[in-house]
Amino acid sequence: MSEAVLAMLGLPPTDCLVTGDRLETDVRMGLDAGMSAAIILTGATTAAMLQESSVVPTYVLERLADLLPG
């Protein structure tokens, strides 16, 4: 699915960032597709779960607003 979206947008995976609150779905999908991936610790994944997981996101955010400047 991610390949289809990237093709539609005309973007390489290295220019994209997947954000989500689930390590095993959101983050893994992005990483498997060659994208950077950010986990947001406001939903399904806690900091403790992150430390136990073999899935290692590129970025760890406390909230989605952390992506915005300033």
PDB file of N, CA and C in Angstrom:
ATOM      1  N   MET A   1       0.806  -1.188   0.000  1.00  0.00           N
ATOM      2  CA  MET A   1       0.000   0.000   0.000  1.00  0.00           C
ATOM      3  C   MET A   1       0.856   1.260   0.000  1.00  0.00           C
ATOM      4  N   SER A   2       1.909   1.294   0.808  1.00  0.00           N
ATOM      5  CA  SER A   2       2.741   2.487   0.860  1.00  0.00           C
ATOM      6  C   SER A   2       3.409   2.758  -0.486  1.00  0.00           C
ATOM      7  N   GLU A   3       3.754   1.695  -1.224  1.00  0.00           N
ATOM      8  CA  GLU A   3       4.376   1.877  -2.530  1.00  0.00           C
ATOM      9  C   GLU A   3       3.419   2.579  -3.491  1.00  0.00           C
ATOM     10  N   ALA A   4       2.144   2.221  -3.425  1.00  0.00           N
ATOM     11  CA  ALA A   4       1.145   2.842  -4.291  1.00  0.00           C
ATOM     12  C   ALA A   4       0.987   4.327  -3.980  1.00  0.00           C
ATOM     13  N   VAL A   5       0.976   4.661  -2.712  1.00  0.00           N
ATOM     14  CA  VAL A   5       0.837   6.068  -2.317  1.00  0.00           C
ATOM     15  C   VAL A   5       2.069   6.857  -2.746  1.00  0.00           C
ATOM     16  N   LEU A   6       3.248   6.299  -2.540  1.00  0.00           N
ATOM     17  CA  LEU A   6       4.475   6.980  -2.952  1.00  0.00           C
ATOM     18  C   LEU A   6       4.498   7.193  -4.462  1.00  0.00           C
ATOM     19  N   ALA A   7       4.082   6.196  -5.216  1.00  0.00           N
ATOM     20  CA  ALA A   7       4.044   6.317  -6.672  1.00  0.00           C
ATOM     21  C   ALA A   7       3.052   7.392  -7.098  1.00  0.00           C
ATOM     22  N   MET A   8       1.899   7.431  -6.452  1.00  0.00           N
ATOM     23  CA  MET A   8       0.886   8.422  -6.780  1.00  0.00           C
ATOM     24  C   MET A   8       1.394   9.844  -6.506  1.00  0.00           C
ATOM     25  N   LEU A   9       2.136   9.998  -5.409  1.00  0.00           N
ATOM     26  CA  LEU A   9       2.668  11.311  -5.047  1.00  0.00           C
ATOM     27  C   LEU A   9       3.952  11.658  -5.796  1.00  0.00           C
ATOM     28  N   GLY A  10       4.587  10.646  -6.354  1.00  0.00           N
ATOM     29  CA  GLY A  10       5.853  10.864  -7.057  1.00  0.00           C
ATOM     30  C   GLY A  10       6.999  11.183  -6.120  1.00  0.00           C
ATOM     31  N   LEU A  11       6.975  10.593  -4.926  1.00  0.00           N
ATOM     32  CA  LEU A  11       8.006  10.866  -3.924  1.00  0.00           C
ATOM     33  C   LEU A  11       8.802   9.610  -3.613  1.00  0.00           C
ATOM     34  N   PRO A  12      10.111   9.780  -3.388  1.00  0.00           N
ATOM     35  CA  PRO A  12      10.883   8.638  -2.914  1.00  0.00           C
ATOM     36  C   PRO A  12      10.636   8.439  -1.414  1.00  0.00           C
ATOM     37  N   PRO A  13      10.761   7.217  -0.930  1.00  0.00           N
ATOM     38  CA  PRO A  13      10.530   6.957   0.495  1.00  0.00           C
ATOM     39  C   PRO A  13      11.405   7.794   1.416  1.00  0.00           C
ATOM     40  N   THR A  14      12.609   8.108   0.980  1.00  0.00           N
ATOM     41  CA  THR A  14      13.539   8.861   1.831  1.00  0.00           C
ATOM     42  C   THR A  14      13.087  10.298   2.082  1.00  0.00           C
ATOM     43  N   ASP A  15      12.111  10.772   1.303  1.00  0.00           N
ATOM     44  CA  ASP A  15      11.581  12.129   1.495  1.00  0.00           C
ATOM     45  C   ASP A  15      10.307  12.137   2.331  1.00  0.00           C
ATOM     46  N   CYS A  16       9.949  10.993   2.901  1.00  0.00           N
ATOM     47  CA  CYS A  16       8.671  10.879   3.617  1.00  0.00           C
ATOM     48  C   CYS A  16       8.873  10.492   5.080  1.00  0.00           C
ATOM     49  N   LEU A  17       7.897  10.853   5.883  1.00  0.00           N
ATOM     50  CA  LEU A  17       7.882  10.501   7.296  1.00  0.00           C
ATOM     51  C   LEU A  17       6.513   9.931   7.635  1.00  0.00           C
ATOM     52  N   VAL A  18       6.495   8.723   8.151  1.00  0.00           N
ATOM     53  CA  VAL A  18       5.260   8.111   8.636  1.00  0.00           C
ATOM     54  C   VAL A  18       5.154   8.413  10.121  1.00  0.00           C
ATOM     55  N   THR A  19       3.991   8.873  10.554  1.00  0.00           N
ATOM     56  CA  THR A  19       3.763   9.097  11.983  1.00  0.00           C
ATOM     57  C   THR A  19       2.594   8.232  12.427  1.00  0.00           C
ATOM     58  N   GLY A  20       2.675   7.733  13.633  1.00  0.00           N
ATOM     59  CA  GLY A  20       1.589   6.926  14.161  1.00  0.00           C
ATOM     60  C   GLY A  20       1.813   6.587  15.612  1.00  0.00           C
ATOM     61  N   ASP A  21       0.809   5.931  16.206  1.00  0.00           N
ATOM     62  CA  ASP A  21       0.914   5.576  17.620  1.00  0.00           C
ATOM     63  C   ASP A  21       1.041   4.074  17.847  1.00  0.00           C
ATOM     64  N   ARG A  22       1.259   3.316  16.773  1.00  0.00           N
ATOM     65  CA  ARG A  22       1.397   1.862  16.891  1.00  0.00           C
ATOM     66  C   ARG A  22       2.708   1.403  16.262  1.00  0.00           C
ATOM     67  N   LEU A  23       3.542   0.787  17.064  1.00  0.00           N
ATOM     68  CA  LEU A  23       4.844   0.316  16.585  1.00  0.00           C
ATOM     69  C   LEU A  23       4.719  -0.762  15.529  1.00  0.00           C
ATOM     70  N   GLU A  24       3.896  -1.755  15.790  1.00  0.00           N
ATOM     71  CA  GLU A  24       3.838  -2.936  14.923  1.00  0.00           C
ATOM     72  C   GLU A  24       3.116  -2.695  13.602  1.00  0.00           C
ATOM     73  N   THR A  25       2.381  -1.613  13.477  1.00  0.00           N
ATOM     74  CA  THR A  25       1.694  -1.343  12.213  1.00  0.00           C
ATOM     75  C   THR A  25       2.227  -0.069  11.576  1.00  0.00           C
ATOM     76  N   ASP A  26       1.983   1.072  12.184  1.00  0.00           N
ATOM     77  CA  ASP A  26       2.363   2.362  11.600  1.00  0.00           C
ATOM     78  C   ASP A  26       3.871   2.466  11.379  1.00  0.00           C
ATOM     79  N   VAL A  27       4.611   2.309  12.450  1.00  0.00           N
ATOM     80  CA  VAL A  27       6.063   2.492  12.384  1.00  0.00           C
ATOM     81  C   VAL A  27       6.711   1.407  11.522  1.00  0.00           C
ATOM     82  N   ARG A  28       6.335   0.165  11.729  1.00  0.00           N
ATOM     83  CA  ARG A  28       6.935  -0.922  10.945  1.00  0.00           C
ATOM     84  C   ARG A  28       6.667  -0.736   9.447  1.00  0.00           C
ATOM     85  N   MET A  29       5.456  -0.330   9.084  1.00  0.00           N
ATOM     86  CA  MET A  29       5.139  -0.112   7.675  1.00  0.00           C
ATOM     87  C   MET A  29       6.065   0.927   7.063  1.00  0.00           C
ATOM     88  N   GLY A  30       6.229   2.050   7.751  1.00  0.00           N
ATOM     89  CA  GLY A  30       7.107   3.095   7.241  1.00  0.00           C
ATOM     90  C   GLY A  30       8.543   2.635   7.104  1.00  0.00           C
ATOM     91  N   LEU A  31       9.055   2.007   8.124  1.00  0.00           N
ATOM     92  CA  LEU A  31      10.442   1.536   8.081  1.00  0.00           C
ATOM     93  C   LEU A  31      10.640   0.486   6.992  1.00  0.00           C
ATOM     94  N   ASP A  32       9.693  -0.442   6.868  1.00  0.00           N
ATOM     95  CA  ASP A  32       9.794  -1.479   5.845  1.00  0.00           C
ATOM     96  C   ASP A  32       9.756  -0.903   4.435  1.00  0.00           C
ATOM     97  N   ALA A  33       9.109   0.250   4.273  1.00  0.00           N
ATOM     98  CA  ALA A  33       9.022   0.900   2.964  1.00  0.00           C
ATOM     99  C   ALA A  33      10.199   1.830   2.694  1.00  0.00           C
ATOM    100  N   GLY A  34      11.121   1.954   3.657  1.00  0.00           N
ATOM    101  CA  GLY A  34      12.292   2.804   3.473  1.00  0.00           C
ATOM    102  C   GLY A  34      12.099   4.243   3.909  1.00  0.00           C
ATOM    103  N   MET A  35      11.026   4.506   4.639  1.00  0.00           N
ATOM    104  CA  MET A  35      10.748   5.854   5.130  1.00  0.00           C
ATOM    105  C   MET A  35      11.241   6.018   6.564  1.00  0.00           C
ATOM    106  N   SER A  36      11.398   7.254   6.975  1.00  0.00           N
ATOM    107  CA  SER A  36      11.586   7.532   8.391  1.00  0.00           C
ATOM    108  C   SER A  36      10.243   7.326   9.074  1.00  0.00           C
ATOM    109  N   ALA A  37      10.287   7.010  10.365  1.00  0.00           N
ATOM    110  CA  ALA A  37       9.039   6.760  11.083  1.00  0.00           C
ATOM    111  C   ALA A  37       9.109   7.371  12.479  1.00  0.00           C
ATOM    112  N   ALA A  38       8.025   8.027  12.861  1.00  0.00           N
ATOM    113  CA  ALA A  38       7.923   8.640  14.183  1.00  0.00           C
ATOM    114  C   ALA A  38       6.801   7.975  14.964  1.00  0.00           C
ATOM    115  N   ILE A  39       7.106   7.573  16.178  1.00  0.00           N
ATOM    116  CA  ILE A  39       6.088   7.052  17.090  1.00  0.00           C
ATOM    117  C   ILE A  39       5.629   8.208  17.965  1.00  0.00           C
ATOM    118  N   ILE A  40       4.327   8.308  18.147  1.00  0.00           N
ATOM    119  CA  ILE A  40       3.763   9.344  19.005  1.00  0.00           C
ATOM    120  C   ILE A  40       3.197   8.648  20.237  1.00  0.00           C
ATOM    121  N   LEU A  41       3.712   9.012  21.389  1.00  0.00           N
ATOM    122  CA  LEU A  41       3.370   8.310  22.624  1.00  0.00           C
ATOM    123  C   LEU A  41       2.087   8.833  23.264  1.00  0.00           C
ATOM    124  N   THR A  42       1.056   9.032  22.455  1.00  0.00           N
ATOM    125  CA  THR A  42      -0.218   9.513  22.999  1.00  0.00           C
ATOM    126  C   THR A  42      -1.335   8.492  22.861  1.00  0.00           C
ATOM    127  N   GLY A  43      -1.039   7.352  22.295  1.00  0.00           N
ATOM    128  CA  GLY A  43      -2.108   6.394  22.030  1.00  0.00           C
ATOM    129  C   GLY A  43      -1.759   4.991  22.460  1.00  0.00           C
ATOM    130  N   ALA A  44      -1.652   4.116  21.492  1.00  0.00           N
ATOM    131  CA  ALA A  44      -1.516   2.685  21.740  1.00  0.00           C
ATOM    132  C   ALA A  44      -0.157   2.275  22.306  1.00  0.00           C
ATOM    133  N   THR A  45       0.870   3.060  22.064  1.00  0.00           N
ATOM    134  CA  THR A  45       2.219   2.695  22.508  1.00  0.00           C
ATOM    135  C   THR A  45       2.672   3.588  23.654  1.00  0.00           C
ATOM    136  N   THR A  46       3.181   2.971  24.697  1.00  0.00           N
ATOM    137  CA  THR A  46       3.737   3.714  25.833  1.00  0.00           C
ATOM    138  C   THR A  46       5.261   3.702  25.739  1.00  0.00           C
ATOM    139  N   ALA A  47       5.899   4.534  26.543  1.00  0.00           N
ATOM    140  CA  ALA A  47       7.366   4.556  26.579  1.00  0.00           C
ATOM    141  C   ALA A  47       7.917   3.201  27.013  1.00  0.00           C
ATOM    142  N   ALA A  48       7.256   2.553  27.935  1.00  0.00           N
ATOM    143  CA  ALA A  48       7.697   1.229  28.390  1.00  0.00           C
ATOM    144  C   ALA A  48       7.596   0.205  27.263  1.00  0.00           C
ATOM    145  N   MET A  49       6.517   0.241  26.507  1.00  0.00           N
ATOM    146  CA  MET A  49       6.357  -0.671  25.381  1.00  0.00           C
ATOM    147  C   MET A  49       7.427  -0.420  24.324  1.00  0.00           C
ATOM    148  N   LEU A  50       7.768   0.832  24.112  1.00  0.00           N
ATOM    149  CA  LEU A  50       8.793   1.199  23.138  1.00  0.00           C
ATOM    150  C   LEU A  50      10.139   0.590  23.512  1.00  0.00           C
ATOM    151  N   GLN A  51      10.491   0.641  24.782  1.00  0.00           N
ATOM    152  CA  GLN A  51      11.770   0.086  25.235  1.00  0.00           C
ATOM    153  C   GLN A  51      11.833  -1.423  25.079  1.00  0.00           C
ATOM    154  N   GLU A  52      10.698  -2.090  25.138  1.00  0.00           N
ATOM    155  CA  GLU A  52      10.645  -3.549  25.029  1.00  0.00           C
ATOM    156  C   GLU A  52      10.586  -4.033  23.577  1.00  0.00           C
ATOM    157  N   SER A  53      10.288  -3.149  22.651  1.00  0.00           N
ATOM    158  CA  SER A  53      10.029  -3.543  21.269  1.00  0.00           C
ATOM    159  C   SER A  53      11.309  -3.683  20.443  1.00  0.00           C
ATOM    160  N   SER A  54      11.238  -4.575  19.470  1.00  0.00           N
ATOM    161  CA  SER A  54      12.343  -4.711  18.511  1.00  0.00           C
ATOM    162  C   SER A  54      12.191  -3.707  17.367  1.00  0.00           C
ATOM    163  N   VAL A  55      11.032  -3.064  17.270  1.00  0.00           N
ATOM    164  CA  VAL A  55      10.804  -2.031  16.257  1.00  0.00           C
ATOM    165  C   VAL A  55      11.369  -0.720  16.797  1.00  0.00           C
ATOM    166  N   VAL A  56      12.298  -0.125  16.045  1.00  0.00           N
ATOM    167  CA  VAL A  56      12.976   1.091  16.507  1.00  0.00           C
ATOM    168  C   VAL A  56      12.626   2.250  15.569  1.00  0.00           C
ATOM    169  N   PRO A  57      11.764   3.157  16.025  1.00  0.00           N
ATOM    170  CA  PRO A  57      11.398   4.291  15.175  1.00  0.00           C
ATOM    171  C   PRO A  57      12.560   5.263  15.014  1.00  0.00           C
ATOM    172  N   THR A  58      12.493   6.051  13.958  1.00  0.00           N
ATOM    173  CA  THR A  58      13.508   7.076  13.712  1.00  0.00           C
ATOM    174  C   THR A  58      13.395   8.194  14.741  1.00  0.00           C
ATOM    175  N   TYR A  59      12.155   8.535  15.080  1.00  0.00           N
ATOM    176  CA  TYR A  59      11.880   9.620  16.033  1.00  0.00           C
ATOM    177  C   TYR A  59      10.851   9.160  17.055  1.00  0.00           C
ATOM    178  N   VAL A  60      10.955   9.716  18.257  1.00  0.00           N
ATOM    179  CA  VAL A  60       9.979   9.468  19.319  1.00  0.00           C
ATOM    180  C   VAL A  60       9.420  10.826  19.734  1.00  0.00           C
ATOM    181  N   LEU A  61       8.093  10.951  19.651  1.00  0.00           N
ATOM    182  CA  LEU A  61       7.433  12.211  19.972  1.00  0.00           C
ATOM    183  C   LEU A  61       6.460  12.022  21.124  1.00  0.00           C
ATOM    184  N   GLU A  62       6.373  12.999  21.967  1.00  0.00           N
ATOM    185  CA  GLU A  62       5.400  12.973  23.064  1.00  0.00           C
ATOM    186  C   GLU A  62       4.000  13.283  22.550  1.00  0.00           C
ATOM    187  N   ARG A  63       3.918  14.168  21.542  1.00  0.00           N
ATOM    188  CA  ARG A  63       2.629  14.560  20.977  1.00  0.00           C
ATOM    189  C   ARG A  63       2.836  14.999  19.536  1.00  0.00           C
ATOM    190  N   LEU A  64       1.795  14.963  18.757  1.00  0.00           N
ATOM    191  CA  LEU A  64       1.874  15.304  17.340  1.00  0.00           C
ATOM    192  C   LEU A  64       2.376  16.731  17.121  1.00  0.00           C
ATOM    193  N   ALA A  65       2.034  17.628  18.008  1.00  0.00           N
ATOM    194  CA  ALA A  65       2.460  19.026  17.873  1.00  0.00           C
ATOM    195  C   ALA A  65       3.978  19.178  17.920  1.00  0.00           C
ATOM    196  N   ASP A  66       4.685  18.168  18.392  1.00  0.00           N
ATOM    197  CA  ASP A  66       6.148  18.232  18.417  1.00  0.00           C
ATOM    198  C   ASP A  66       6.739  18.285  17.010  1.00  0.00           C
ATOM    199  N   LEU A  67       5.958  17.969  15.982  1.00  0.00           N
ATOM    200  CA  LEU A  67       6.425  18.061  14.605  1.00  0.00           C
ATOM    201  C   LEU A  67       6.403  19.491  14.073  1.00  0.00           C
ATOM    202  N   LEU A  68       5.676  20.374  14.744  1.00  0.00           N
ATOM    203  CA  LEU A  68       5.529  21.751  14.282  1.00  0.00           C
ATOM    204  C   LEU A  68       6.662  22.622  14.804  1.00  0.00           C
ATOM    205  N   PRO A  69       7.103  23.583  13.997  1.00  0.00           N
ATOM    206  CA  PRO A  69       8.164  24.481  14.460  1.00  0.00           C
ATOM    207  C   PRO A  69       7.691  25.387  15.591  1.00  0.00           C
ATOM    208  N   GLY A  70       8.649  25.752  16.424  1.00  0.00           N
ATOM    209  CA  GLY A  70       8.443  26.760  17.423  1.00  0.00           C
ATOM    210  C   GLY A  70       7.738  26.428  18.631  1.00  0.00           C
TER     211      GLY A  70
END
